[in-house]
Amino acid sequence: MMKYKGKERREKLGMSQIELIQKSGVSKATISKLENGNSDMEIKISTLQKLAAALKCSITSLIE
C-alpha cells in the first residue's frame, strides 16, 4: 500500500486544506482520508494528478 506524503508538501507551501480543495478539485473527504493515513483507501491516478498539479510537484513525490 502506498503512503501519501502530500500533507507535508501542502504545509511546506503554507497551503490550507481548503486551498488545496479549491485548487485541485479533490473532495475534502478524500484529502482528509489521505492526510490521516487511511491505509485502506485506494488512490486513483487521476486524483494524484490533480493533487500534484495543485501542489506543483510530481506524483512520485506525493507517494511512498
N, C-alpha and C. Protein backbone atom coordinates (compact mmCIF):
# COMPACT_ATOMS: atom_id res chain seq x y z
N MET A 1 0.85 -1.19 0.00
CA MET A 1 0.00 0.00 0.00
C MET A 1 0.89 1.25 0.00
N MET A 2 0.47 2.25 -0.72
CA MET A 2 1.24 3.49 -0.81
C MET A 2 0.92 4.42 0.36
N LYS A 3 1.93 5.18 0.74
CA LYS A 3 1.74 6.20 1.77
C LYS A 3 1.70 7.56 1.09
N TYR A 4 0.67 8.35 1.41
CA TYR A 4 0.50 9.68 0.83
C TYR A 4 1.33 10.69 1.63
N LYS A 5 2.16 11.46 0.92
CA LYS A 5 3.03 12.44 1.57
C LYS A 5 2.66 13.88 1.22
N GLY A 6 1.47 14.09 0.70
CA GLY A 6 1.06 15.41 0.26
C GLY A 6 0.86 16.41 1.38
N LYS A 7 0.54 15.93 2.58
CA LYS A 7 0.32 16.85 3.69
C LYS A 7 1.59 17.65 3.98
N GLU A 8 2.72 16.97 3.98
CA GLU A 8 3.99 17.65 4.22
C GLU A 8 4.25 18.70 3.15
N ARG A 9 3.98 18.35 1.90
CA ARG A 9 4.18 19.27 0.78
C ARG A 9 3.24 20.48 0.93
N ARG A 10 1.97 20.20 1.24
CA ARG A 10 0.97 21.26 1.40
C ARG A 10 1.39 22.22 2.50
N GLU A 11 1.81 21.69 3.64
CA GLU A 11 2.22 22.53 4.76
C GLU A 11 3.48 23.33 4.44
N LYS A 12 4.40 22.72 3.70
CA LYS A 12 5.63 23.41 3.30
C LYS A 12 5.30 24.62 2.43
N LEU A 13 4.25 24.50 1.62
CA LEU A 13 3.83 25.61 0.76
C LEU A 13 2.96 26.62 1.50
N GLY A 14 2.63 26.32 2.75
CA GLY A 14 1.77 27.21 3.53
C GLY A 14 0.33 27.21 3.05
N MET A 15 -0.09 26.09 2.49
CA MET A 15 -1.42 25.96 1.92
C MET A 15 -2.35 25.24 2.89
N SER A 16 -3.55 25.74 3.04
CA SER A 16 -4.54 25.06 3.89
C SER A 16 -5.22 23.95 3.10
N GLN A 17 -5.92 23.08 3.80
CA GLN A 17 -6.69 22.04 3.11
C GLN A 17 -7.73 22.67 2.20
N ILE A 18 -8.36 23.74 2.65
CA ILE A 18 -9.38 24.41 1.84
C ILE A 18 -8.78 24.91 0.52
N GLU A 19 -7.59 25.50 0.60
CA GLU A 19 -6.93 25.97 -0.63
C GLU A 19 -6.62 24.80 -1.56
N LEU A 20 -6.18 23.69 -0.99
CA LEU A 20 -5.88 22.52 -1.81
C LEU A 20 -7.14 21.98 -2.47
N ILE A 21 -8.23 21.95 -1.73
CA ILE A 21 -9.52 21.52 -2.28
C ILE A 21 -9.90 22.39 -3.47
N GLN A 22 -9.78 23.69 -3.29
CA GLN A 22 -10.15 24.64 -4.35
C GLN A 22 -9.25 24.51 -5.57
N LYS A 23 -7.95 24.35 -5.36
CA LYS A 23 -7.01 24.28 -6.47
C LYS A 23 -7.04 22.94 -7.20
N SER A 24 -7.33 21.86 -6.46
CA SER A 24 -7.25 20.53 -7.06
C SER A 24 -8.60 20.00 -7.52
N GLY A 25 -9.68 20.44 -6.89
CA GLY A 25 -11.00 19.88 -7.20
C GLY A 25 -11.23 18.53 -6.55
N VAL A 26 -10.33 18.12 -5.66
CA VAL A 26 -10.47 16.87 -4.92
C VAL A 26 -11.30 17.16 -3.68
N SER A 27 -12.17 16.24 -3.32
CA SER A 27 -13.09 16.48 -2.21
C SER A 27 -12.36 16.56 -0.86
N LYS A 28 -12.99 17.26 0.06
CA LYS A 28 -12.45 17.39 1.42
C LYS A 28 -12.32 16.02 2.07
N ALA A 29 -13.32 15.17 1.87
CA ALA A 29 -13.29 13.83 2.47
C ALA A 29 -12.09 13.03 1.98
N THR A 30 -11.81 13.11 0.69
CA THR A 30 -10.68 12.36 0.12
C THR A 30 -9.37 12.89 0.67
N ILE A 31 -9.19 14.20 0.68
CA ILE A 31 -7.95 14.79 1.19
C ILE A 31 -7.77 14.45 2.67
N SER A 32 -8.83 14.55 3.44
CA SER A 32 -8.74 14.22 4.87
C SER A 32 -8.34 12.77 5.08
N LYS A 33 -8.95 11.87 4.32
CA LYS A 33 -8.60 10.44 4.44
C LYS A 33 -7.14 10.20 4.07
N LEU A 34 -6.69 10.82 3.00
CA LEU A 34 -5.30 10.66 2.58
C LEU A 34 -4.34 11.19 3.64
N GLU A 35 -4.63 12.38 4.14
CA GLU A 35 -3.72 13.01 5.10
C GLU A 35 -3.75 12.35 6.46
N ASN A 36 -4.81 11.65 6.78
CA ASN A 36 -4.90 10.96 8.06
C ASN A 36 -4.40 9.52 7.98
N GLY A 37 -3.85 9.15 6.83
CA GLY A 37 -3.22 7.84 6.69
C GLY A 37 -4.18 6.69 6.59
N ASN A 38 -5.31 6.87 5.94
CA ASN A 38 -6.27 5.79 5.75
C ASN A 38 -5.65 4.76 4.82
N SER A 39 -5.08 3.71 5.39
CA SER A 39 -4.35 2.73 4.60
C SER A 39 -5.27 1.83 3.78
N ASP A 40 -6.56 1.84 4.04
CA ASP A 40 -7.50 1.03 3.29
C ASP A 40 -7.90 1.69 1.97
N MET A 41 -7.56 2.92 1.82
CA MET A 41 -8.02 3.71 0.68
C MET A 41 -7.15 3.48 -0.54
N GLU A 42 -7.80 3.25 -1.68
CA GLU A 42 -7.09 3.18 -2.94
C GLU A 42 -7.06 4.58 -3.54
N ILE A 43 -5.90 4.99 -3.99
CA ILE A 43 -5.75 6.33 -4.55
C ILE A 43 -5.75 6.22 -6.07
N LYS A 44 -6.68 6.91 -6.71
CA LYS A 44 -6.76 6.91 -8.17
C LYS A 44 -5.64 7.78 -8.74
N ILE A 45 -5.13 7.37 -9.89
CA ILE A 45 -4.09 8.15 -10.57
C ILE A 45 -4.61 9.55 -10.89
N SER A 46 -5.86 9.65 -11.31
CA SER A 46 -6.43 10.96 -11.65
C SER A 46 -6.45 11.88 -10.43
N THR A 47 -6.69 11.32 -9.25
CA THR A 47 -6.67 12.11 -8.02
C THR A 47 -5.26 12.59 -7.73
N LEU A 48 -4.29 11.70 -7.87
CA LEU A 48 -2.89 12.07 -7.66
C LEU A 48 -2.44 13.13 -8.65
N GLN A 49 -2.92 13.04 -9.89
CA GLN A 49 -2.56 14.04 -10.89
C GLN A 49 -3.09 15.42 -10.50
N LYS A 50 -4.31 15.48 -10.02
CA LYS A 50 -4.91 16.75 -9.60
C LYS A 50 -4.16 17.32 -8.40
N LEU A 51 -3.84 16.47 -7.43
CA LEU A 51 -3.13 16.93 -6.24
C LEU A 51 -1.72 17.39 -6.59
N ALA A 52 -1.04 16.64 -7.43
CA ALA A 52 0.33 17.01 -7.84
C ALA A 52 0.33 18.35 -8.57
N ALA A 53 -0.64 18.57 -9.43
CA ALA A 53 -0.72 19.85 -10.15
C ALA A 53 -0.96 20.99 -9.17
N ALA A 54 -1.87 20.79 -8.23
CA ALA A 54 -2.18 21.84 -7.25
C ALA A 54 -1.00 22.12 -6.33
N LEU A 55 -0.22 21.09 -6.02
CA LEU A 55 0.92 21.22 -5.13
C LEU A 55 2.24 21.48 -5.88
N LYS A 56 2.15 21.58 -7.20
CA LYS A 56 3.30 21.89 -8.06
C LYS A 56 4.45 20.92 -7.82
N CYS A 57 4.13 19.64 -7.93
CA CYS A 57 5.15 18.61 -7.74
C CYS A 57 4.79 17.40 -8.60
N SER A 58 5.65 16.41 -8.57
CA SER A 58 5.38 15.19 -9.33
C SER A 58 4.53 14.22 -8.50
N ILE A 59 3.87 13.32 -9.18
CA ILE A 59 3.09 12.29 -8.49
C ILE A 59 4.01 11.46 -7.60
N THR A 60 5.18 11.14 -8.09
CA THR A 60 6.09 10.29 -7.31
C THR A 60 6.54 10.94 -6.01
N SER A 61 6.52 12.27 -5.95
CA SER A 61 6.89 12.92 -4.70
C SER A 61 5.74 12.92 -3.69
N LEU A 62 4.55 12.56 -4.15
CA LEU A 62 3.39 12.51 -3.25
C LEU A 62 3.18 11.16 -2.59
N ILE A 63 3.82 10.14 -3.12
CA ILE A 63 3.60 8.79 -2.58
C ILE A 63 4.93 8.14 -2.20
N GLU A 64 4.80 7.20 -1.30
CA GLU A 64 5.99 6.49 -0.82
C GLU A 64 5.72 5.01 -0.89
